[in-house]
Amino acid sequence: MTLGEFQNLIRQMYHEKDAVRGVEGTFMWLTEEIGELATALRSGSHEEQALEFADVLAWLVTIANVVGVDLEEAVARKYGRGCPGCGKLACLCPDAEKP
C-alpha cells in the first residue's frame, strides 16, 4: 500500500467523523498516540511497537485529510530529491542542524 492509498483508505473510513472533530481534536488524538508509541518503544513488544507506529501514522494522515494536504505529494516534493538541507541522498548536514 502506498502512502496515497493509505491516506485515501483513512479518508474513506473516518473522514466524516474527522471533519466534525476538527484539527484541534484530531491533533489531541495524535499526541495521545505518540505517548502510547513512546511507552511501547520503552517497554513494549515488537508487535506492540508496530501497532503504535501504525496508529501514529493513521492519526497524522487524518490531520492531513482534515486540512486537505496530499501527503504523498508533500513528501515527494520535500524529500523526493534527497535531504532538504544539503540536497544529498545520504544527508551530510551537521548533526547539530535539523535537515
C-alpha atoms as a PDB file:
ATOM      1  CA  MET A   1       0.000   0.000   0.000  1.00  0.00           C
ATOM      2  CA  THR A   2       1.364   3.426  -0.926  1.00  0.00           C
ATOM      3  CA  LEU A   3       1.122   6.462   1.314  1.00  0.00           C
ATOM      4  CA  GLY A   4      -1.526   7.900  -1.013  1.00  0.00           C
ATOM      5  CA  GLU A   5      -3.548   4.693  -0.887  1.00  0.00           C
ATOM      6  CA  PHE A   6      -3.340   4.685   2.906  1.00  0.00           C
ATOM      7  CA  GLN A   7      -4.448   8.310   3.072  1.00  0.00           C
ATOM      8  CA  ASN A   8      -7.433   7.523   0.838  1.00  0.00           C
ATOM      9  CA  LEU A   9      -8.316   4.464   2.938  1.00  0.00           C
ATOM     10  CA  ILE A  10      -8.299   6.510   6.142  1.00  0.00           C
ATOM     11  CA  ARG A  11     -10.371   9.204   4.393  1.00  0.00           C
ATOM     12  CA  GLN A  12     -12.967   6.633   3.315  1.00  0.00           C
ATOM     13  CA  MET A  13     -13.197   5.088   6.785  1.00  0.00           C
ATOM     14  CA  TYR A  14     -13.164   8.151   9.005  1.00  0.00           C
ATOM     15  CA  HIS A  15     -13.410  11.486   7.174  1.00  0.00           C
ATOM     16  CA  GLU A  16     -16.936  12.416   8.261  1.00  0.00           C
ATOM     17  CA  LYS A  17     -16.051  11.920  11.948  1.00  0.00           C
ATOM     18  CA  ASP A  18     -12.662  13.570  11.487  1.00  0.00           C
ATOM     19  CA  ALA A  19     -14.117  16.665   9.816  1.00  0.00           C
ATOM     20  CA  VAL A  20     -16.572  17.133  12.685  1.00  0.00           C
ATOM     21  CA  ARG A  21     -13.817  16.638  15.298  1.00  0.00           C
ATOM     22  CA  GLY A  22     -11.620  19.174  13.504  1.00  0.00           C
ATOM     23  CA  VAL A  23      -7.907  19.786  13.571  1.00  0.00           C
ATOM     24  CA  GLU A  24      -7.628  20.549  17.286  1.00  0.00           C
ATOM     25  CA  GLY A  25      -9.461  17.422  18.462  1.00  0.00           C
ATOM     26  CA  THR A  26      -7.657  15.246  15.957  1.00  0.00           C
ATOM     27  CA  PHE A  27      -4.292  16.668  16.999  1.00  0.00           C
ATOM     28  CA  MET A  28      -5.065  15.707  20.596  1.00  0.00           C
ATOM     29  CA  TRP A  29      -5.631  12.088  19.472  1.00  0.00           C
ATOM     30  CA  LEU A  30      -2.320  12.177  17.593  1.00  0.00           C
ATOM     31  CA  THR A  31      -0.452  13.343  20.681  1.00  0.00           C
ATOM     32  CA  GLU A  32      -2.075  10.594  22.755  1.00  0.00           C
ATOM     33  CA  GLU A  33      -0.947   8.010  20.200  1.00  0.00           C
ATOM     34  CA  ILE A  34       2.588   9.434  20.243  1.00  0.00           C
ATOM     35  CA  GLY A  35       2.596   8.888  24.008  1.00  0.00           C
ATOM     36  CA  GLU A  36       1.458   5.298  23.512  1.00  0.00           C
ATOM     37  CA  LEU A  37       4.243   4.826  20.960  1.00  0.00           C
ATOM     38  CA  ALA A  38       6.764   6.180  23.465  1.00  0.00           C
ATOM     39  CA  THR A  39       5.577   3.649  26.035  1.00  0.00           C
ATOM     40  CA  ALA A  40       5.752   0.816  23.511  1.00  0.00           C
ATOM     41  CA  LEU A  41       9.271   1.818  22.468  1.00  0.00           C
ATOM     42  CA  ARG A  42      10.355   1.824  26.098  1.00  0.00           C
ATOM     43  CA  SER A  43       8.793  -1.424  27.228  1.00  0.00           C
ATOM     44  CA  GLY A  44       6.554  -2.973  24.585  1.00  0.00           C
ATOM     45  CA  SER A  45       6.979  -5.952  22.322  1.00  0.00           C
ATOM     46  CA  HIS A  46       7.907  -5.542  18.674  1.00  0.00           C
ATOM     47  CA  GLU A  47       4.255  -6.204  17.741  1.00  0.00           C
ATOM     48  CA  GLU A  48       3.025  -3.516  20.159  1.00  0.00           C
ATOM     49  CA  GLN A  49       5.552  -1.074  18.719  1.00  0.00           C
ATOM     50  CA  ALA A  50       4.441  -1.851  15.163  1.00  0.00           C
ATOM     51  CA  LEU A  51       0.776  -1.288  16.025  1.00  0.00           C
ATOM     52  CA  GLU A  52       1.535   2.025  17.726  1.00  0.00           C
ATOM     53  CA  PHE A  53       3.558   3.198  14.711  1.00  0.00           C
ATOM     54  CA  ALA A  54       0.517   2.382  12.567  1.00  0.00           C
ATOM     55  CA  ASP A  55      -1.755   4.366  14.899  1.00  0.00           C
ATOM     56  CA  VAL A  56       0.527   7.414  14.849  1.00  0.00           C
ATOM     57  CA  LEU A  57       0.681   7.324  11.061  1.00  0.00           C
ATOM     58  CA  ALA A  58      -3.110   6.962  10.813  1.00  0.00           C
ATOM     59  CA  TRP A  59      -3.732   9.999  13.019  1.00  0.00           C
ATOM     60  CA  LEU A  60      -1.130  12.057  11.124  1.00  0.00           C
ATOM     61  CA  VAL A  61      -2.839  11.130   7.855  1.00  0.00           C
ATOM     62  CA  THR A  62      -6.177  12.039   9.416  1.00  0.00           C
ATOM     63  CA  ILE A  63      -4.986  15.575  10.182  1.00  0.00           C
ATOM     64  CA  ALA A  64      -3.679  15.905   6.629  1.00  0.00           C
ATOM     65  CA  ASN A  65      -7.091  14.843   5.340  1.00  0.00           C
ATOM     66  CA  VAL A  66      -8.895  17.359   7.542  1.00  0.00           C
ATOM     67  CA  VAL A  67      -6.735  20.231   6.254  1.00  0.00           C
ATOM     68  CA  GLY A  68      -6.598  18.978   2.653  1.00  0.00           C
ATOM     69  CA  VAL A  69      -2.915  18.072   2.344  1.00  0.00           C
ATOM     70  CA  ASP A  70      -1.939  15.267  -0.037  1.00  0.00           C
ATOM     71  CA  LEU A  71       0.849  13.646   1.963  1.00  0.00           C
ATOM     72  CA  GLU A  72       2.255  11.608  -0.898  1.00  0.00           C
ATOM     73  CA  GLU A  73       2.727  14.762  -2.953  1.00  0.00           C
ATOM     74  CA  ALA A  74       4.072  16.744   0.018  1.00  0.00           C
ATOM     75  CA  VAL A  75       6.612  14.049   0.936  1.00  0.00           C
ATOM     76  CA  ALA A  76       7.754  13.686  -2.682  1.00  0.00           C
ATOM     77  CA  ARG A  77       8.126  17.465  -3.037  1.00  0.00           C
ATOM     78  CA  LYS A  78      10.151  17.859   0.175  1.00  0.00           C
ATOM     79  CA  TYR A  79      12.197  14.609   0.293  1.00  0.00           C
ATOM     80  CA  GLY A  80      11.966  13.145  -3.216  1.00  0.00           C
ATOM     81  CA  ARG A  81      15.319  14.503  -4.346  1.00  0.00           C
ATOM     82  CA  GLY A  82      17.247  13.935  -1.123  1.00  0.00           C
ATOM     83  CA  CYS A  83      17.808  15.824   2.100  1.00  0.00           C
ATOM     84  CA  PRO A  84      16.024  19.183   2.071  1.00  0.00           C
ATOM     85  CA  GLY A  85      19.021  20.696   3.899  1.00  0.00           C
ATOM     86  CA  CYS A  86      22.036  19.573   1.889  1.00  0.00           C
ATOM     87  CA  GLY A  87      20.352  18.044  -1.157  1.00  0.00           C
ATOM     88  CA  LYS A  88      22.218  14.737  -0.838  1.00  0.00           C
ATOM     89  CA  LEU A  89      20.537  11.332  -0.788  1.00  0.00           C
ATOM     90  CA  ALA A  90      22.667  10.388   2.228  1.00  0.00           C
ATOM     91  CA  CYS A  91      22.433  13.519   4.405  1.00  0.00           C
ATOM     92  CA  LEU A  92      25.674  15.392   5.026  1.00  0.00           C
ATOM     93  CA  CYS A  93      24.178  18.107   7.255  1.00  0.00           C
ATOM     94  CA  PRO A  94      25.989  18.682  10.571  1.00  0.00           C
ATOM     95  CA  ASP A  95      24.391  16.677  13.403  1.00  0.00           C
ATOM     96  CA  ALA A  96      23.536  19.897  15.258  1.00  0.00           C
ATOM     97  CA  GLU A  97      21.274  21.027  12.384  1.00  0.00           C
ATOM     98  CA  LYS A  98      17.831  19.690  11.615  1.00  0.00           C
ATOM     99  CA  PRO A  99      17.728  18.870   7.903  1.00  0.00           C
END
